[in-house]
Protein backbone atom coordinates (compact mmCIF):
# COMPACT_ATOMS: atom_id res chain seq x y z
CA MET A 1 -4.73 0.74 -12.86
CA THR A 2 -5.65 -2.77 -13.73
CA TYR A 3 -7.30 -4.76 -10.23
CA ILE A 4 -6.33 -8.80 -10.54
CA PHE A 5 -8.72 -9.87 -7.16
CA ASP A 6 -11.57 -9.21 -5.55
CA VAL A 7 -11.56 -8.96 -1.61
CA PHE A 8 -14.03 -9.84 0.59
CA THR A 9 -13.71 -9.74 4.61
CA GLU A 10 -15.79 -10.50 7.23
CA PRO A 11 -15.91 -7.98 9.96
CA ARG A 12 -12.83 -8.24 12.17
CA ASP A 13 -11.91 -10.52 15.83
CA GLY A 14 -10.04 -8.70 17.82
CA SER A 15 -6.88 -8.52 15.84
CA ARG A 16 -7.56 -11.34 13.73
CA LEU A 17 -9.23 -10.55 10.41
CA SER A 18 -10.62 -13.22 7.78
CA GLY A 19 -11.40 -13.31 4.21
CA ASN A 20 -11.77 -14.60 0.91
CA VAL A 21 -9.75 -12.98 -2.38
CA GLU A 22 -10.39 -14.48 -6.55
CA TYR A 23 -8.32 -14.14 -9.58
CA ARG A 24 -10.40 -10.98 -11.60
CA ASP A 25 -9.30 -13.85 -14.54
CA ARG A 26 -9.89 -17.58 -13.77
CA ASP A 27 -6.21 -17.94 -15.59
CA ASN A 28 -4.15 -17.31 -12.43
CA TYR A 29 -0.67 -17.78 -11.65
CA GLY A 30 -0.74 -19.11 -7.20
CA PHE A 31 -1.44 -16.92 -4.81
CA SER A 32 1.73 -15.20 -3.17
CA GLN A 33 1.71 -16.93 0.65
CA GLY A 34 3.87 -14.69 2.01
CA PRO A 35 2.46 -11.88 4.83
CA VAL A 36 3.91 -8.83 2.98
CA PHE A 37 0.39 -9.65 0.86
CA GLY A 38 -1.68 -9.57 4.14
CA LEU A 39 -0.05 -6.36 4.24
CA GLN A 40 -1.04 -4.85 1.29
CA LEU A 41 -4.16 -5.98 1.49
CA LEU A 42 -4.89 -4.36 4.92
CA MET A 43 -3.59 -1.23 3.39
CA ASP A 44 -5.84 -1.31 0.11
CA ALA A 45 -8.96 -1.97 2.28
CA TRP A 46 -8.62 1.78 3.03
CA ARG A 47 -7.37 3.36 0.08
CA GLU A 48 -10.09 1.60 -1.62
CA GLY A 49 -12.88 2.65 0.64
CA GLY A 50 -16.39 2.95 -1.04
CA ASP A 51 -19.97 1.64 -0.37
CA PHE A 52 -18.44 -1.97 0.52
CA GLY A 53 -15.35 -0.51 1.29
CA ALA A 54 -13.48 -1.13 5.16
CA GLY A 55 -14.58 2.16 6.81
CA ALA A 56 -12.21 5.12 8.38
CA VAL A 57 -8.86 4.75 10.50
CA SER A 58 -7.64 6.71 13.05
CA GLU A 59 -5.15 9.84 11.61
CA ALA A 60 -2.34 8.24 13.32
CA THR A 61 -2.92 4.55 11.42
CA LYS A 62 -3.77 7.31 8.17
CA ALA A 63 -0.22 8.30 8.82
CA GLU A 64 0.79 4.22 9.18
CA PHE A 65 -0.82 3.54 5.96
CA THR A 66 0.38 6.64 3.91
CA GLU A 67 3.92 6.15 5.34
CA LEU A 68 3.82 2.21 4.50
CA PHE A 69 2.51 3.21 0.79
CA GLU A 70 6.00 5.25 0.26
CA ILE A 71 7.89 2.86 0.89
CA PHE A 72 6.50 0.16 -1.11
CA LEU A 73 5.40 2.36 -3.94
CA GLY A 74 8.60 5.18 -3.61
CA ARG A 75 7.49 8.73 -2.13
CA GLN A 76 6.43 11.97 -3.97
CA ILE A 77 9.39 14.61 -3.97
CA ARG A 78 7.22 17.80 -4.93
CA VAL A 79 10.26 19.57 -7.79
CA ASP A 80 9.50 22.84 -10.11
CA GLU A 81 9.04 22.43 -14.21
CA GLU A 82 13.03 21.83 -14.12
CA GLY A 83 13.49 19.83 -11.42
CA TYR A 84 14.04 22.19 -8.61
CA LEU A 85 12.78 20.73 -4.98
CA LEU A 86 9.83 22.64 -4.27
CA LYS A 87 9.31 24.07 -0.47
CA GLU A 88 7.19 21.97 1.61
CA GLY A 89 3.45 22.38 0.78
CA SER A 90 4.26 25.49 -1.03
CA THR A 91 4.84 26.08 -5.07
CA GLU A 92 8.36 28.34 -4.55
CA VAL A 93 11.34 26.57 -4.58
CA ARG A 94 13.45 26.31 -2.49
CA ILE A 95 16.23 27.81 -1.30
CA PRO A 96 19.02 27.37 -1.78
CA ARG A 97 17.74 26.39 -5.16
CA VAL A 98 18.68 22.21 -5.51
CA LYS A 99 17.47 19.68 -8.18
CA ALA A 100 15.91 16.68 -6.70
CA GLU A 101 18.29 14.62 -8.92
CA ASP A 102 21.51 15.55 -6.35
CA PHE A 103 19.70 15.81 -3.07
CA HIS A 104 18.44 12.40 -3.37
CA LYS A 105 21.56 11.10 -5.15
CA GLY A 106 20.84 7.73 -5.39
CA GLU A 107 17.15 7.62 -4.47
CA LEU A 108 15.99 9.06 -7.45
CA GLY A 109 13.04 6.62 -8.91
CA ARG A 110 11.78 6.73 -12.65
CA SER A 111 8.55 8.04 -12.11
CA ARG A 112 7.99 11.31 -13.01
CA GLY A 113 4.05 13.31 -12.88
CA TYR A 114 2.09 15.97 -12.43
CA SER A 115 -0.70 15.70 -9.78
CA ASP A 116 -3.02 18.52 -7.71
CA GLY A 117 -1.24 21.29 -10.23
CA VAL A 118 3.13 20.73 -9.44
CA HIS A 119 4.99 17.98 -10.55
CA TYR A 120 7.04 15.20 -8.55
CA VAL A 121 9.46 12.79 -9.10
CA THR A 122 9.49 9.88 -6.77
CA LEU A 123 11.85 8.10 -4.91
CA VAL A 124 12.64 4.21 -4.96
CA PRO A 125 10.20 2.01 -3.28
CA ARG A 126 12.31 0.25 -0.48
CA PRO A 127 11.34 -3.87 -0.27
CA GLU A 128 13.70 -3.61 2.44
CA GLU A 129 11.78 -1.63 4.97
CA PHE A 130 8.49 -3.35 3.91
CA ALA A 131 9.68 -6.10 4.86
CA ARG A 132 10.35 -5.09 7.89
CA ARG A 133 7.48 -3.12 8.54
CA THR A 134 5.19 -6.62 7.74
CA ALA A 135 7.20 -9.02 10.35
CA GLU A 136 5.95 -5.82 12.95
CA ILE A 137 2.11 -5.73 11.80
CA ILE A 138 1.65 -9.00 10.42
CA VAL A 139 2.14 -11.45 14.01
CA SER A 140 0.23 -14.58 11.56
CA TRP A 141 -1.19 -15.03 8.11
CA GLU A 142 -2.09 -17.88 6.61
CA ILE A 143 -3.70 -18.62 2.86
CA GLU A 144 -5.14 -21.63 1.68
CA GLU A 145 -5.77 -22.21 -2.26
CA ASP A 146 -8.52 -23.63 -3.33
CA ASP A 147 -8.69 -24.65 -7.48
CA SER A 148 -11.20 -22.48 -8.43
CA GLY A 149 -8.84 -18.92 -8.38
CA SER A 150 -9.86 -18.72 -5.10
CA ALA A 151 -7.68 -18.21 -1.50
CA ASP A 152 -9.10 -18.10 2.73
CA PHE A 153 -7.42 -15.90 4.45
CA THR A 154 -6.86 -15.27 7.93
CA LEU A 155 -3.91 -13.02 9.68
CA GLU A 156 -3.68 -11.99 13.07
CA VAL A 157 -1.60 -7.87 13.39
CA SER A 158 0.17 -6.60 16.46
CA ASP A 159 -2.33 -3.74 17.16
CA PRO A 160 -5.96 -4.28 16.33
CA ARG A 161 -5.87 -0.13 15.58
CA TYR A 162 -4.52 -2.03 11.98
CA LEU A 163 -7.79 -3.42 11.97
CA GLU A 164 -10.12 -0.97 12.58
CA HIS A 165 -11.15 0.09 9.31
CA PHE A 166 -12.64 -3.93 9.36
CA SER A 167 -16.00 -3.17 11.44
CA LYS A 168 -18.07 -4.35 9.74
CA SER A 169 -17.92 -7.23 5.91
CA ALA A 170 -16.13 -5.00 2.92
CA TYR A 171 -15.64 -5.77 -0.45
CA PHE A 172 -12.21 -3.90 -2.38
CA GLN A 173 -10.97 -4.61 -5.80
CA THR A 174 -6.68 -4.19 -5.46
CA ALA A 175 -4.01 -4.55 -7.67
CA PHE A 176 -1.62 -5.76 -4.77
CA THR A 177 0.04 -9.57 -5.64
CA GLY A 178 2.17 -9.96 -2.51
CA HIS A 179 5.38 -9.81 -4.50
CA LEU A 180 8.32 -6.62 -2.84
CA PRO A 181 8.60 -4.23 -5.51
CA ARG A 182 11.78 -3.90 -6.91
CA ARG A 183 14.49 -0.81 -5.91
């Protein structure tokens, strides 16, 4: 993964978070002004974690961030090597046998892969759903760019639990740009 931004945050203040985002390559193209970027930063801080990253989240927030990643990137569907759907949590083919391309007609993405010993295909991203969820979570988003390839941001969330992993200052890198995926 190619990281585009370095992100630095202050500890959360209730339901508000402030920080700075800097281009890793100074030949940048500007910063996304929309709140989608704010939600992407919250999600990626949770995923990246690490020594300087954000802390842990509750199981409910973890489940929601996982779901948001699936909405944004496309959910992975486990299949056998011939493309038949597997039983949930198993490596056995589901009965009755059905191919992912037939079961998920019109929703199958282009990505295919192999992870943890199992083949998978992905569903298409759902940008409209991600935008809707962003509007529910991010109630305020401000970003102010300077001339040196960095910008200060402040966001406010609808529920402080979305910031529970920012109990201390954090540093992480992200490839998110604030743009929605294409279907």
